[in-house]
Protein backbone atom coordinates (compact mmCIF):
# COMPACT_ATOMS: atom_id res chain seq x y z
CA MET A 1 11.81 43.50 4.40
CA ALA A 2 10.06 45.02 1.07
CA ALA A 3 10.33 41.58 -0.77
CA SER A 4 8.47 40.06 2.96
CA ALA A 5 5.86 42.56 2.39
CA LYS A 6 5.16 41.77 -1.17
CA ARG A 7 4.96 37.87 -0.42
CA ARG A 8 2.73 38.59 2.61
CA ARG A 9 0.40 40.52 0.74
CA GLY A 10 0.52 37.84 -1.97
CA TRP A 11 -0.96 35.34 0.28
CA ARG A 12 -3.19 37.34 1.49
CA LYS A 13 -5.01 37.72 -1.88
CA ARG A 14 -4.74 33.68 -2.19
CA LEU A 15 -6.70 33.57 0.72
CA GLY A 16 -9.49 36.29 0.28
CA ALA A 17 -9.64 34.15 -3.34
CA LEU A 18 -10.06 30.98 -1.68
CA ALA A 19 -12.54 32.31 1.29
CA ARG A 20 -14.75 34.06 -1.42
CA PHE A 21 -14.49 30.51 -3.94
CA THR A 22 -15.93 28.63 -0.62
CA GLY A 23 -18.60 31.62 0.13
CA ALA A 24 -19.85 30.64 -3.17
CA LEU A 25 -19.84 27.16 -2.83
CA VAL A 26 -21.91 27.57 0.20
CA ILE A 27 -23.82 30.19 -1.10
CA VAL A 28 -24.73 27.28 -4.26
CA GLY A 29 -24.63 24.52 -2.35
CA GLY A 30 -27.32 26.06 0.14
CA LEU A 31 -29.91 27.40 -3.07
CA TYR A 32 -29.58 23.61 -4.31
CA SER A 33 -30.29 22.11 -1.13
CA VAL A 34 -33.82 24.01 -0.96
CA PHE A 35 -34.53 23.38 -4.72
CA SER A 36 -33.40 19.76 -5.55
CA PRO A 37 -36.81 18.07 -3.38
CA SER A 38 -38.95 19.16 -6.01
CA LEU A 39 -36.63 18.34 -8.64
CA TYR A 40 -36.80 14.98 -6.90
CA ALA A 41 -40.27 14.71 -6.53
CA GLN A 42 -40.94 15.54 -10.28
CA GLU A 43 -38.88 12.74 -11.38
CA SER A 44 -40.60 10.47 -9.04
CA GLU A 45 -43.55 11.52 -10.36
CA ALA A 46 -42.49 10.70 -13.63
CA ASN A 47 -41.75 7.36 -12.47
CA ALA A 48 -44.62 6.64 -11.39
CA ILE A 49 -46.72 7.46 -14.64
CA ASP A 50 -44.41 5.98 -16.84
CA ALA A 51 -45.04 2.92 -14.84
CA GLU A 52 -48.70 2.99 -14.83
CA VAL A 53 -48.29 2.93 -18.55
CA VAL A 54 -46.04 -0.09 -18.30
CA LYS A 55 -48.94 -2.12 -16.02
CA GLY A 56 -51.79 -0.55 -18.27
CA GLN A 57 -49.42 -1.58 -21.39
CA GLU A 58 -49.38 -5.15 -20.14
CA LEU A 59 -53.23 -5.62 -19.09
CA TYR A 60 -53.69 -4.38 -22.55
CA ASP A 61 -51.53 -6.33 -24.68
CA THR A 62 -53.12 -9.62 -22.61
CA SER A 63 -56.92 -8.40 -23.06
CA CYS A 64 -57.70 -5.36 -25.41
CA ILE A 65 -55.12 -6.04 -28.49
CA SER A 66 -57.56 -8.98 -30.26
CA CYS A 67 -60.20 -6.02 -30.52
CA HIS A 68 -58.67 -2.71 -30.24
CA GLY A 69 -55.19 -3.55 -32.27
CA ALA A 70 -51.35 -2.98 -31.77
CA ASN A 71 -51.17 0.25 -30.16
CA GLY A 72 -54.83 1.22 -30.06
CA GLU A 73 -55.26 1.55 -33.83
CA GLY A 74 -58.44 -0.36 -34.18
CA VAL A 75 -59.30 -3.60 -35.64
CA GLU A 76 -62.25 -3.49 -38.74
CA GLY A 77 -65.01 -5.29 -37.75
CA ARG A 78 -63.93 -6.10 -33.81
CA GLY A 79 -63.17 -2.52 -32.61
CA PRO A 80 -63.04 1.13 -32.76
CA SER A 81 -59.29 3.23 -32.09
CA LEU A 82 -59.01 4.27 -29.03
CA ILE A 83 -56.25 6.83 -30.33
CA GLY A 84 -57.76 10.34 -28.49
CA VAL A 85 -60.18 8.58 -26.58
CA GLY A 86 -58.09 9.26 -23.36
CA SER A 87 -58.34 7.94 -19.72
CA ALA A 88 -62.01 8.95 -18.93
CA ALA A 89 -63.61 6.78 -21.45
CA VAL A 90 -61.46 4.13 -20.76
CA GLU A 91 -62.06 4.16 -17.00
CA PHE A 92 -65.67 4.34 -17.45
CA GLN A 93 -66.28 1.39 -20.03
CA VAL A 94 -63.65 -0.88 -17.96
CA ASN A 95 -64.90 0.32 -14.60
CA THR A 96 -68.66 -0.36 -15.22
CA GLY A 97 -67.69 -3.75 -16.85
CA ARG A 98 -69.09 -2.77 -20.05
CA MET A 99 -65.00 -3.72 -21.81
CA PRO A 100 -63.46 -6.29 -22.46
CA MET A 101 -66.85 -6.97 -24.08
CA ALA A 102 -67.82 -10.93 -24.25
CA ALA A 103 -69.62 -10.29 -27.71
CA GLN A 104 -70.49 -8.12 -30.26
CA GLY A 105 -73.89 -6.62 -29.62
CA ALA A 106 -76.12 -3.62 -29.95
CA GLN A 107 -74.89 -2.34 -26.85
CA ALA A 108 -72.05 -3.51 -24.32
CA PRO A 109 -73.87 -4.46 -21.10
CA TYR A 110 -73.16 -3.14 -17.59
CA LEU A 111 -71.69 -5.96 -15.08
CA ASP A 112 -72.08 -5.48 -11.19
CA ASP A 113 -68.66 -7.46 -11.44
CA PRO A 114 -66.54 -6.21 -13.57
CA VAL A 115 -62.88 -7.94 -14.84
CA PHE A 116 -60.64 -5.32 -13.89
CA THR A 117 -60.23 -3.51 -10.70
CA GLU A 118 -60.39 0.33 -10.33
CA GLU A 119 -56.40 0.44 -9.90
CA GLU A 120 -56.20 -2.14 -13.20
CA ALA A 121 -58.84 0.40 -14.99
CA GLU A 122 -56.98 3.64 -14.41
CA TRP A 123 -53.68 1.99 -15.58
CA LEU A 124 -55.17 1.31 -18.82
CA GLY A 125 -56.38 4.08 -18.76
CA ALA A 126 -53.03 5.96 -18.52
CA TYR A 127 -51.77 3.53 -21.57
CA ILE A 128 -54.43 4.88 -23.52
CA GLU A 129 -53.82 8.63 -23.02
CA TYR A 130 -50.22 8.06 -22.99
CA LEU A 131 -50.74 6.66 -27.15
CA GLY A 132 -53.09 9.40 -28.01
CA GLY A 133 -54.04 12.37 -25.24
CA GLY A 134 -58.24 12.50 -24.64
CA ALA A 135 -60.24 13.86 -22.34
CA ALA A 136 -60.14 13.33 -18.43
CA VAL A 137 -61.83 13.97 -15.31
CA PRO A 138 -61.12 17.09 -12.81
CA ASP A 139 -59.13 16.77 -10.32
CA ASP A 140 -61.55 18.83 -8.34
CA LEU A 141 -64.64 16.88 -9.49
CA GLU A 142 -65.92 16.63 -5.34
CA ILE A 143 -65.79 20.14 -5.43
CA LEU A 144 -67.55 21.04 -7.92
CA VAL A 145 -70.48 18.93 -7.06
CA ALA A 146 -70.15 20.15 -3.27
CA ASP A 147 -70.58 23.55 -4.83
CA ALA A 148 -73.26 22.53 -7.62
CA ASP A 149 -76.66 24.23 -8.08
CA VAL A 150 -79.60 21.31 -8.05
CA ALA A 151 -82.06 23.46 -9.55
CA GLU A 152 -80.18 24.40 -12.50
CA GLY A 153 -79.22 20.57 -12.75
CA GLY A 154 -82.93 19.58 -13.36
CA GLU A 155 -83.17 22.10 -15.77
CA LEU A 156 -79.83 20.84 -17.95
CA TYR A 157 -80.95 17.56 -17.09
CA ARG A 158 -84.62 17.69 -18.48
CA VAL A 159 -83.20 19.41 -21.83
CA ASN A 160 -80.24 16.95 -22.82
CA CYS A 161 -80.88 13.62 -20.67
CA SER A 162 -84.54 13.28 -19.90
CA SER A 163 -85.80 12.32 -23.40
CA CYS A 164 -83.28 8.81 -23.12
CA HIS A 165 -82.94 8.30 -19.59
CA GLY A 166 -86.26 9.67 -18.23
CA TYR A 167 -87.46 12.29 -16.59
CA ALA A 168 -86.93 10.76 -13.11
CA GLY A 169 -83.40 8.38 -14.10
CA GLY A 170 -84.90 5.40 -14.86
CA GLY A 171 -83.90 4.87 -18.39
CA GLY A 172 -85.92 3.58 -21.21
CA ALA A 173 -84.90 1.70 -24.75
CA LEU A 174 -83.92 2.84 -27.62
CA SER A 175 -84.02 2.12 -31.29
CA SER A 176 -81.74 -1.27 -32.95
CA GLY A 177 -81.52 -2.79 -29.82
CA ALA A 178 -79.94 -0.22 -27.56
CA HIS A 179 -81.29 1.35 -24.51
CA ALA A 180 -80.68 4.00 -22.00
CA PRO A 181 -79.77 2.72 -18.62
CA THR A 182 -81.16 3.34 -15.33
CA LEU A 183 -79.02 6.26 -13.57
CA GLU A 184 -79.52 4.69 -10.29
CA GLY A 185 -76.30 4.34 -8.39
CA VAL A 186 -73.93 5.11 -10.49
CA THR A 187 -71.04 7.39 -9.09
CA ASP A 188 -70.26 10.91 -9.48
CA GLU A 189 -67.41 10.27 -11.46
CA GLU A 190 -69.20 7.71 -13.70
CA LEU A 191 -71.52 10.30 -14.65
CA TYR A 192 -68.84 12.78 -15.66
CA GLN A 193 -67.02 10.27 -17.59
CA ALA A 194 -70.31 9.41 -19.77
CA MET A 195 -71.00 12.92 -20.43
CA LEU A 196 -67.72 13.69 -21.56
CA THR A 197 -66.92 11.11 -23.73
CA GLY A 198 -70.49 9.71 -24.72
CA PRO A 199 -70.40 6.08 -24.25
CA GLN A 200 -72.78 3.82 -26.81
CA ASN A 201 -75.39 5.66 -28.11
CA MET A 202 -74.99 8.74 -26.13
CA PRO A 203 -73.94 12.36 -27.32
CA VAL A 204 -70.69 13.70 -26.31
CA PHE A 205 -71.43 16.38 -24.34
CA ALA A 206 -67.88 18.52 -24.66
CA ASP A 207 -66.90 21.13 -22.04
CA ASN A 208 -67.76 23.97 -24.81
CA GLU A 209 -71.08 22.15 -24.94
CA LEU A 210 -71.62 21.54 -21.17
CA THR A 211 -68.89 23.19 -18.92
CA PRO A 212 -67.80 21.27 -15.98
CA GLU A 213 -69.61 23.01 -13.73
CA GLN A 214 -72.80 21.98 -15.95
CA LYS A 215 -72.16 18.59 -15.54
CA ALA A 216 -71.47 19.16 -11.79
CA ASP A 217 -74.92 20.32 -11.83
CA ILE A 218 -76.62 17.56 -13.88
CA ILE A 219 -74.85 15.15 -11.25
CA ALA A 220 -75.71 16.71 -8.44
CA TYR A 221 -79.52 16.85 -9.86
CA VAL A 222 -79.28 13.13 -10.68
CA GLN A 223 -78.05 12.14 -7.55
CA TRP A 224 -80.95 13.96 -5.83
CA ILE A 225 -83.61 12.34 -7.74
CA VAL A 226 -82.39 8.63 -7.67
CA ASN A 227 -79.88 8.24 -4.41
CA ASP A 228 -81.83 10.07 -2.36
CA ASP A 229 -83.76 8.43 0.50
CA LYS A 230 -86.94 10.60 -0.37
CA ASP A 231 -88.74 8.95 -4.01
CA ARG A 232 -89.33 11.78 -5.76
CA GLY A 233 -91.35 9.42 -8.31
CA GLY A 234 -94.01 9.22 -5.77
CA VAL A 235 -95.07 5.98 -3.81
CA PHE A 236 -95.15 3.59 -6.73
CA THR A 237 -92.42 4.62 -8.96
CA LEU A 238 -93.51 1.96 -11.85
CA GLY A 239 -89.70 2.12 -13.58
CA ARG A 240 -89.07 5.79 -12.51
CA PHE A 241 -90.29 6.38 -16.07
CA GLY A 242 -91.44 9.95 -14.68
CA PRO A 243 -95.14 11.36 -12.89
CA ALA A 244 -97.26 10.79 -15.89
CA THR A 245 -96.72 7.21 -15.20
CA GLU A 246 -98.32 6.53 -12.40
CA GLY A 247 -101.40 8.77 -14.28
CA VAL A 248 -101.71 6.72 -17.04
CA ALA A 249 -101.93 3.96 -14.35
CA ILE A 250 -103.93 5.12 -12.41
CA PHE A 251 -106.62 6.20 -15.19
CA LEU A 252 -106.36 3.05 -16.64
CA VAL A 253 -107.37 0.73 -13.53
CA GLY A 254 -110.00 3.71 -12.16
CA MET A 255 -111.43 3.78 -15.83
CA THR A 256 -111.54 -0.35 -16.24
CA ALA A 257 -112.87 -0.34 -12.78
CA LEU A 258 -115.88 1.54 -13.07
CA LEU A 259 -116.34 0.12 -16.67
CA LEU A 260 -116.59 -3.38 -15.14
CA THR A 261 -118.92 -1.62 -12.06
CA THR A 262 -121.47 -0.11 -14.54
CA LEU A 263 -121.77 -3.71 -16.33
CA TRP A 264 -122.73 -5.33 -12.85
CA ILE A 265 -125.17 -2.75 -12.13
CA ALA A 266 -126.29 -2.90 -15.64
CA GLY A 267 -126.59 -6.74 -15.46
CA LYS A 268 -128.24 -7.16 -11.76
CA SER A 269 -130.86 -4.40 -13.25
């Protein structure tokens, strides 16, 4: 009887150990099922990014490599290095049709019909950012612009932008055959990309010079003064160079009319 009792106790211990082991497996499986979706999501997201980089490299090798060289290192006399310029610069240049550049000149012209689509521009931007990092547009740009201070943006615009783009965003001529383009019809994202990367002759306004909030203020002001239904330059904007333009035009026309009238009266007398 004693031996039989010992055998029963041994079986109970084994069954208890098996039950504890099974319970542990259930707990581990439950925890894995809770956290595994995020792991799969991260993996799929990484694969999507890799896919964009691969597509961007294919476009780069067929359309950009002749000027910017292998791996974006640049070609002397043809195109600068793209290492470190980031996706913001690439998407701005490609989406506005400035790149690929048809011919060397003082300034790459804006094109209404870009060579690449916006999606293809994102692929190219992903590849260039993969090569050397760089600046990118914040994901919450739409929220920043919606909460922006238009009045503050006006002050910042007059200090930093009006000397080239004009007080009403009409643009103007620069030295050496270059020019500051009009800001009419430019999207929020393009305005931010331009300030962040400094295309052509434009200075770079990094976040340590103009914060993202200040850039958003400028964007809100530009959209208010240029793309709003009410024309802030008056009835006759004369190229949207600012209110002084109309004053000069009225003065010249008025003085000419007075002079002709005086000569006519003198001739009659």
